[in-house]
C-alpha atoms as a PDB file:
ATOM      1  CA  UNK A   1     -12.730 -62.502   0.383  1.00  0.00           C
ATOM      2  CA  UNK A   2     -12.983 -59.544  -2.048  1.00  0.00           C
ATOM      3  CA  UNK A   3     -14.628 -60.216  -5.401  1.00  0.00           C
ATOM      4  CA  UNK A   4     -12.780 -58.637  -8.304  1.00  0.00           C
ATOM      5  CA  UNK A   5     -14.435 -60.555 -11.074  1.00  0.00           C
ATOM      6  CA  UNK A   6     -14.910 -57.649 -13.424  1.00  0.00           C
ATOM      7  CA  UNK A   7     -11.457 -56.194 -12.746  1.00  0.00           C
ATOM      8  CA  UNK A   8      -9.603 -59.410 -13.587  1.00  0.00           C
ATOM      9  CA  UNK A   9     -11.826 -60.092 -16.553  1.00  0.00           C
ATOM     10  CA  UNK A  10     -10.931 -56.659 -17.981  1.00  0.00           C
ATOM     11  CA  UNK A  11      -7.257 -57.169 -17.165  1.00  0.00           C
ATOM     12  CA  UNK A  12      -7.334 -60.502 -19.013  1.00  0.00           C
ATOM     13  CA  UNK A  13      -8.940 -58.787 -22.007  1.00  0.00           C
ATOM     14  CA  UNK A  14     -11.726 -61.343 -22.314  1.00  0.00           C
ATOM     15  CA  UNK A  15     -15.286 -61.486 -21.237  1.00  0.00           C
ATOM     16  CA  UNK A  16     -16.099 -64.589 -19.196  1.00  0.00           C
ATOM     17  CA  UNK A  17     -19.561 -66.043 -19.581  1.00  0.00           C
ATOM     18  CA  UNK A  18     -20.279 -68.087 -16.504  1.00  0.00           C
ATOM     19  CA  UNK A  19     -22.569 -71.034 -16.801  1.00  0.00           C
ATOM     20  CA  UNK A  20     -25.766 -71.303 -14.962  1.00  0.00           C
ATOM     21  CA  UNK A  21     -24.247 -73.436 -12.263  1.00  0.00           C
ATOM     22  CA  UNK A  22     -20.972 -71.515 -11.869  1.00  0.00           C
ATOM     23  CA  UNK A  23     -20.278 -70.015  -8.427  1.00  0.00           C
ATOM     24  CA  UNK A  24     -18.783 -66.445  -8.138  1.00  0.00           C
ATOM     25  CA  UNK A  25     -15.039 -66.610  -8.072  1.00  0.00           C
ATOM     26  CA  UNK A  26     -13.275 -65.392  -4.932  1.00  0.00           C
ATOM     27  CA  UNK A  27      -9.703 -64.255  -4.407  1.00  0.00           C
ATOM     28  CA  UNK A  28      -7.155 -64.548  -1.668  1.00  0.00           C
ATOM     29  CA  UNK A  29      -5.881 -61.616   0.381  1.00  0.00           C
ATOM     30  CA  UNK A  30      -2.640 -61.614  -1.619  1.00  0.00           C
ATOM     31  CA  UNK A  31      -4.544 -61.425  -4.894  1.00  0.00           C
ATOM     32  CA  UNK A  32      -6.687 -58.594  -3.494  1.00  0.00           C
ATOM     33  CA  UNK A  33      -3.633 -56.601  -2.361  1.00  0.00           C
ATOM     34  CA  UNK A  34      -1.986 -57.165  -5.736  1.00  0.00           C
ATOM     35  CA  UNK A  35      -5.102 -55.853  -7.458  1.00  0.00           C
ATOM     36  CA  UNK A  36      -5.195 -52.747  -5.221  1.00  0.00           C
ATOM     37  CA  UNK A  37      -1.508 -52.139  -5.884  1.00  0.00           C
ATOM     38  CA  UNK A  38      -2.209 -52.363  -9.582  1.00  0.00           C
ATOM     39  CA  UNK A  39      -5.003 -49.836  -9.352  1.00  0.00           C
ATOM     40  CA  UNK A  40      -2.818 -47.448  -7.364  1.00  0.00           C
ATOM     41  CA  UNK A  41      -0.029 -47.798  -9.876  1.00  0.00           C
ATOM     42  CA  UNK A  42      -2.421 -47.046 -12.723  1.00  0.00           C
ATOM     43  CA  UNK A  43      -3.724 -43.944 -10.912  1.00  0.00           C
ATOM     44  CA  UNK A  44      -0.204 -42.662 -10.291  1.00  0.00           C
ATOM     45  CA  UNK A  45       0.652 -43.220 -13.929  1.00  0.00           C
ATOM     46  CA  UNK A  46      -2.444 -41.251 -14.974  1.00  0.00           C
ATOM     47  CA  UNK A  47      -1.587 -38.352 -12.634  1.00  0.00           C
ATOM     48  CA  UNK A  48       1.983 -38.273 -13.884  1.00  0.00           C
ATOM     49  CA  UNK A  49       0.706 -38.258 -17.437  1.00  0.00           C
ATOM     50  CA  UNK A  50      -1.669 -35.396 -16.643  1.00  0.00           C
ATOM     51  CA  UNK A  51       1.109 -33.304 -15.052  1.00  0.00           C
ATOM     52  CA  UNK A  52       3.387 -33.940 -17.981  1.00  0.00           C
ATOM     53  CA  UNK A  53       0.643 -32.947 -20.417  1.00  0.00           C
ATOM     54  CA  UNK A  54       0.093 -29.709 -18.497  1.00  0.00           C
ATOM     55  CA  UNK A  55       3.810 -28.942 -18.500  1.00  0.00           C
ATOM     56  CA  UNK A  56       4.070 -29.575 -22.221  1.00  0.00           C
ATOM     57  CA  UNK A  57       1.034 -27.363 -22.856  1.00  0.00           C
ATOM     58  CA  UNK A  58       2.583 -24.501 -20.871  1.00  0.00           C
ATOM     59  CA  UNK A  59       5.869 -24.892 -22.694  1.00  0.00           C
ATOM     60  CA  UNK A  60       4.037 -24.925 -26.001  1.00  0.00           C
ATOM     61  CA  UNK A  61       2.143 -21.725 -25.086  1.00  0.00           C
ATOM     62  CA  UNK A  62       5.373 -19.977 -24.078  1.00  0.00           C
ATOM     63  CA  UNK A  63       7.065 -21.153 -27.249  1.00  0.00           C
ATOM     64  CA  UNK A  64       4.134 -19.925 -29.343  1.00  0.00           C
ATOM     65  CA  UNK A  65       4.253 -16.499 -27.692  1.00  0.00           C
ATOM     66  CA  UNK A  66       7.991 -16.253 -28.326  1.00  0.00           C
ATOM     67  CA  UNK A  67       7.485 -17.389 -31.907  1.00  0.00           C
ATOM     68  CA  UNK A  68       4.693 -14.851 -32.434  1.00  0.00           C
ATOM     69  CA  UNK A  69       6.900 -12.072 -31.073  1.00  0.00           C
ATOM     70  CA  UNK A  70       9.782 -13.103 -33.272  1.00  0.00           C
ATOM     71  CA  UNK A  71       7.528 -13.389 -36.299  1.00  0.00           C
ATOM     72  CA  UNK A  72       6.045  -9.975 -35.607  1.00  0.00           C
ATOM     73  CA  UNK A  73       9.514  -8.524 -35.200  1.00  0.00           C
ATOM     74  CA  UNK A  74      10.744 -10.074 -38.412  1.00  0.00           C
ATOM     75  CA  UNK A  75       7.687  -8.878 -40.300  1.00  0.00           C
ATOM     76  CA  UNK A  76       7.954  -5.353 -38.896  1.00  0.00           C
ATOM     77  CA  UNK A  77       4.746  -5.700 -36.889  1.00  0.00           C
ATOM     78  CA  UNK A  78       6.266  -5.971 -33.396  1.00  0.00           C
ATOM     79  CA  UNK A  79       4.860  -2.601 -32.387  1.00  0.00           C
ATOM     80  CA  UNK A  80       1.394  -3.682 -33.456  1.00  0.00           C
ATOM     81  CA  UNK A  81       1.771  -6.922 -31.528  1.00  0.00           C
ATOM     82  CA  UNK A  82       2.924  -5.135 -28.364  1.00  0.00           C
ATOM     83  CA  UNK A  83       0.094  -2.658 -28.736  1.00  0.00           C
ATOM     84  CA  UNK A  84      -2.328  -5.574 -28.785  1.00  0.00           C
ATOM     85  CA  UNK A  85      -0.829  -6.883 -25.546  1.00  0.00           C
ATOM     86  CA  UNK A  86      -0.962  -3.462 -23.886  1.00  0.00           C
ATOM     87  CA  UNK A  87      -4.595  -3.131 -24.874  1.00  0.00           C
ATOM     88  CA  UNK A  88      -5.326  -6.209 -22.789  1.00  0.00           C
ATOM     89  CA  UNK A  89      -3.353  -5.261 -19.691  1.00  0.00           C
ATOM     90  CA  UNK A  90      -3.331  -1.451 -19.599  1.00  0.00           C
ATOM     91  CA  UNK A  91      -6.891  -1.141 -18.183  1.00  0.00           C
ATOM     92  CA  UNK A  92      -6.047  -3.539 -15.343  1.00  0.00           C
ATOM     93  CA  UNK A  93      -2.812  -1.706 -14.545  1.00  0.00           C
ATOM     94  CA  UNK A  94      -4.555   1.677 -14.721  1.00  0.00           C
ATOM     95  CA  UNK A  95      -7.231   0.541 -12.269  1.00  0.00           C
ATOM     96  CA  UNK A  96      -4.625  -0.659  -9.777  1.00  0.00           C
ATOM     97  CA  UNK A  97      -2.621   2.566 -10.167  1.00  0.00           C
ATOM     98  CA  UNK A  98      -5.762   4.623  -9.542  1.00  0.00           C
ATOM     99  CA  UNK A  99      -6.602   2.686  -6.386  1.00  0.00           C
ATOM    100  CA  UNK A 100      -3.023   3.024  -5.143  1.00  0.00           C
ATOM    101  CA  UNK A 101      -3.022   6.774  -5.827  1.00  0.00           C
ATOM    102  CA  UNK A 102      -6.235   7.268  -3.842  1.00  0.00           C
ATOM    103  CA  UNK A 103      -4.890   5.243  -0.935  1.00  0.00           C
ATOM    104  CA  UNK A 104      -1.635   7.222  -0.954  1.00  0.00           C
ATOM    105  CA  UNK A 105      -3.598  10.482  -1.012  1.00  0.00           C
ATOM    106  CA  UNK A 106      -5.611   9.429   2.027  1.00  0.00           C
ATOM    107  CA  UNK A 107      -2.486   8.475   3.974  1.00  0.00           C
ATOM    108  CA  UNK A 108      -0.645  11.701   3.147  1.00  0.00           C
ATOM    109  CA  UNK A 109      -3.736  13.801   3.852  1.00  0.00           C
ATOM    110  CA  UNK A 110      -4.240  12.231   7.274  1.00  0.00           C
ATOM    111  CA  UNK A 111      -0.574  12.766   8.188  1.00  0.00           C
ATOM    112  CA  UNK A 112      -0.658  16.399   7.043  1.00  0.00           C
ATOM    113  CA  UNK A 113      -3.823  17.101   9.020  1.00  0.00           C
ATOM    114  CA  UNK A 114      -2.251  15.585  12.129  1.00  0.00           C
ATOM    115  CA  UNK A 115       0.823  17.830  11.823  1.00  0.00           C
ATOM    116  CA  UNK A 116      -1.275  20.973  11.278  1.00  0.00           C
ATOM    117  CA  UNK A 117      -3.399  20.154  14.330  1.00  0.00           C
ATOM    118  CA  UNK A 118      -0.244  19.827  16.412  1.00  0.00           C
ATOM    119  CA  UNK A 119       0.767  23.355  15.360  1.00  0.00           C
ATOM    120  CA  UNK A 120      -2.603  24.938  16.120  1.00  0.00           C
ATOM    121  CA  UNK A 121      -2.057  24.664  19.885  1.00  0.00           C
ATOM    122  CA  UNK A 122       0.698  27.285  19.805  1.00  0.00           C
ATOM    123  CA  UNK A 123      -1.455  29.866  17.988  1.00  0.00           C
ATOM    124  CA  UNK A 124      -3.495  32.716  19.460  1.00  0.00           C
ATOM    125  CA  UNK A 125      -6.287  31.877  17.015  1.00  0.00           C
ATOM    126  CA  UNK A 126      -6.339  28.213  15.993  1.00  0.00           C
ATOM    127  CA  UNK A 127      -7.947  29.112  12.664  1.00  0.00           C
ATOM    128  CA  UNK A 128      -4.594  30.616  11.724  1.00  0.00           C
ATOM    129  CA  UNK A 129      -3.414  27.021  11.336  1.00  0.00           C
ATOM    130  CA  UNK A 130      -4.819  27.268   7.799  1.00  0.00           C
ATOM    131  CA  UNK A 131      -2.054  29.736   7.007  1.00  0.00           C
ATOM    132  CA  UNK A 132       0.615  27.423   8.401  1.00  0.00           C
ATOM    133  CA  UNK A 133      -0.996  24.559   6.531  1.00  0.00           C
ATOM    134  CA  UNK A 134       0.299  26.025   3.289  1.00  0.00           C
ATOM    135  CA  UNK A 135       3.804  25.471   4.634  1.00  0.00           C
ATOM    136  CA  UNK A 136       3.283  21.780   5.419  1.00  0.00           C
ATOM    137  CA  UNK A 137       3.999  19.196   2.737  1.00  0.00           C
ATOM    138  CA  UNK A 138       3.765  15.423   3.133  1.00  0.00           C
ATOM    139  CA  UNK A 139       5.171  12.875   0.717  1.00  0.00           C
ATOM    140  CA  UNK A 140       6.409   9.305   0.540  1.00  0.00           C
ATOM    141  CA  UNK A 141      10.053   8.402   0.875  1.00  0.00           C
ATOM    142  CA  UNK A 142       9.927   4.728  -0.037  1.00  0.00           C
ATOM    143  CA  UNK A 143       7.345   3.246   2.347  1.00  0.00           C
ATOM    144  CA  UNK A 144       7.767   6.043   4.926  1.00  0.00           C
ATOM    145  CA  UNK A 145       5.809   9.304   5.107  1.00  0.00           C
ATOM    146  CA  UNK A 146       8.002  12.406   5.372  1.00  0.00           C
ATOM    147  CA  UNK A 147       6.753  15.850   6.412  1.00  0.00           C
ATOM    148  CA  UNK A 148       8.532  18.886   5.001  1.00  0.00           C
ATOM    149  CA  UNK A 149       8.066  22.449   6.232  1.00  0.00           C
ATOM    150  CA  UNK A 150       8.633  25.002   3.476  1.00  0.00           C
ATOM    151  CA  UNK A 151       8.833  28.783   3.255  1.00  0.00           C
ATOM    152  CA  UNK A 152       6.982  31.072   0.848  1.00  0.00           C
ATOM    153  CA  UNK A 153       9.368  30.171  -1.956  1.00  0.00           C
ATOM    154  CA  UNK A 154       8.805  26.462  -1.508  1.00  0.00           C
ATOM    155  CA  UNK A 155      12.283  25.903  -0.066  1.00  0.00           C
ATOM    156  CA  UNK A 156      12.479  23.307   2.684  1.00  0.00           C
ATOM    157  CA  UNK A 157      13.045  24.824   6.121  1.00  0.00           C
ATOM    158  CA  UNK A 158      13.204  21.569   8.057  1.00  0.00           C
ATOM    159  CA  UNK A 159      11.547  18.177   8.443  1.00  0.00           C
ATOM    160  CA  UNK A 160      11.479  18.453  12.257  1.00  0.00           C
ATOM    161  CA  UNK A 161       8.207  19.863  13.715  1.00  0.00           C
ATOM    162  CA  UNK A 162      10.008  21.178  16.830  1.00  0.00           C
ATOM    163  CA  UNK A 163      12.540  23.080  14.734  1.00  0.00           C
ATOM    164  CA  UNK A 164       9.750  24.472  12.568  1.00  0.00           C
ATOM    165  CA  UNK A 165       8.002  25.827  15.681  1.00  0.00           C
ATOM    166  CA  UNK A 166      11.231  27.532  16.726  1.00  0.00           C
ATOM    167  CA  UNK A 167      11.531  28.996  13.242  1.00  0.00           C
ATOM    168  CA  UNK A 168       8.001  30.428  13.512  1.00  0.00           C
ATOM    169  CA  UNK A 169       8.767  31.973  16.914  1.00  0.00           C
ATOM    170  CA  UNK A 170      11.751  33.800  15.466  1.00  0.00           C
ATOM    171  CA  UNK A 171       9.972  35.071  12.335  1.00  0.00           C
ATOM    172  CA  UNK A 172       8.404  38.526  12.658  1.00  0.00           C
ATOM    173  CA  UNK A 173       5.704  37.705  10.111  1.00  0.00           C
ATOM    174  CA  UNK A 174       4.329  34.951  12.335  1.00  0.00           C
ATOM    175  CA  UNK A 175       5.252  36.112  15.819  1.00  0.00           C
ATOM    176  CA  UNK A 176       1.933  37.915  16.309  1.00  0.00           C
ATOM    177  CA  UNK A 177       0.066  34.651  15.672  1.00  0.00           C
ATOM    178  CA  UNK A 178       1.851  32.774  18.427  1.00  0.00           C
ATOM    179  CA  UNK A 179       0.814  32.714  22.066  1.00  0.00           C
ATOM    180  CA  UNK A 180       3.222  34.567  24.297  1.00  0.00           C
ATOM    181  CA  UNK A 181       3.892  31.538  26.484  1.00  0.00           C
ATOM    182  CA  UNK A 182       4.737  29.551  23.349  1.00  0.00           C
ATOM    183  CA  UNK A 183       6.930  32.341  22.010  1.00  0.00           C
ATOM    184  CA  UNK A 184       8.820  33.141  25.211  1.00  0.00           C
ATOM    185  CA  UNK A 185       8.360  30.091  27.378  1.00  0.00           C
ATOM    186  CA  UNK A 186       6.666  32.222  30.052  1.00  0.00           C
ATOM    187  CA  UNK A 187       3.868  34.735  30.534  1.00  0.00           C
ATOM    188  CA  UNK A 188       0.251  34.086  31.418  1.00  0.00           C
ATOM    189  CA  UNK A 189      -3.037  33.729  29.638  1.00  0.00           C
ATOM    190  CA  UNK A 190      -1.647  34.366  26.147  1.00  0.00           C
ATOM    191  CA  UNK A 191      -0.759  38.050  26.892  1.00  0.00           C
ATOM    192  CA  UNK A 192       2.532  39.205  25.470  1.00  0.00           C
ATOM    193  CA  UNK A 193       5.121  40.564  27.891  1.00  0.00           C
ATOM    194  CA  UNK A 194       7.697  43.277  27.307  1.00  0.00           C
ATOM    195  CA  UNK A 195      11.325  43.030  28.405  1.00  0.00           C
ATOM    196  CA  UNK A 196      10.496  44.863  31.646  1.00  0.00           C
ATOM    197  CA  UNK A 197       7.939  42.253  32.586  1.00  0.00           C
ATOM    198  CA  UNK A 198       4.836  44.468  32.305  1.00  0.00           C
ATOM    199  CA  UNK A 199       1.755  43.334  30.460  1.00  0.00           C
ATOM    200  CA  UNK A 200       0.787  44.901  27.149  1.00  0.00           C
ATOM    201  CA  UNK A 201      -1.770  47.208  28.762  1.00  0.00           C
ATOM    202  CA  UNK A 202       0.702  48.311  31.463  1.00  0.00           C
ATOM    203  CA  UNK A 203       3.325  49.058  28.839  1.00  0.00           C
ATOM    204  CA  UNK A 204       0.924  51.336  26.968  1.00  0.00           C
ATOM    205  CA  UNK A 205       0.001  53.125  30.204  1.00  0.00           C
ATOM    206  CA  UNK A 206       3.665  53.647  31.035  1.00  0.00           C
ATOM    207  CA  UNK A 207       4.242  55.263  27.652  1.00  0.00           C
ATOM    208  CA  UNK A 208       1.242  57.589  28.160  1.00  0.00           C
ATOM    209  CA  UNK A 209       2.484  58.557  31.626  1.00  0.00           C
ATOM    210  CA  UNK A 210       5.909  59.302  30.248  1.00  0.00           C
ATOM    211  CA  UNK A 211       4.494  61.537  27.516  1.00  0.00           C
ATOM    212  CA  UNK A 212       1.656  63.342  29.335  1.00  0.00           C
ATOM    213  CA  UNK A 213       2.502  62.853  32.954  1.00  0.00           C
ATOM    214  CA  UNK A 214       0.841  60.594  35.481  1.00  0.00           C
ATOM    215  CA  UNK A 215      -2.711  61.572  36.338  1.00  0.00           C
ATOM    216  CA  UNK A 216      -4.165  61.230  39.790  1.00  0.00           C
END
């Protein structure tokens, strides 16, 4: 049997003073279960009361904020009130914006470097990729990174790396920077070939022979 002497005494609202010869009172299983059910009910009522108090407090805070805004507006001090709010939140927003900007810069920088490296393989001197780098722009389009290839005026040529390579091959200002096999699709060892198929050195020799005659 479970002894709930104190519980039932408190529920009855009176303090029992047992005599010297009184034995502790015991309760049946039904009485015990009823007591437990009562305790559970009380706990649930307390939790419900706590939730309701929290809800009312939140509603009161929202109502007070709305009232303060309205009062400030009516008194011509809304701007001052909003300035006070901005003073609280602007530093937090600025910090997040700064972190986001740095992250975006790292992403765009890595993408741009990757594109420039992919172009360097078609060049006679890979250091010339620095020149082409000025024509590579990376930016965000929503959540995607877009690469734009621009000319000297900043006008977009294309967003397709393959088409940009073809553009370089057909531009006389950049043709001398490009390996002959990349420019023509043939040739060996980076030497440029003339339409007759002779190497650069052979072409020069042919011109000398034509002008001065072939020497033995």
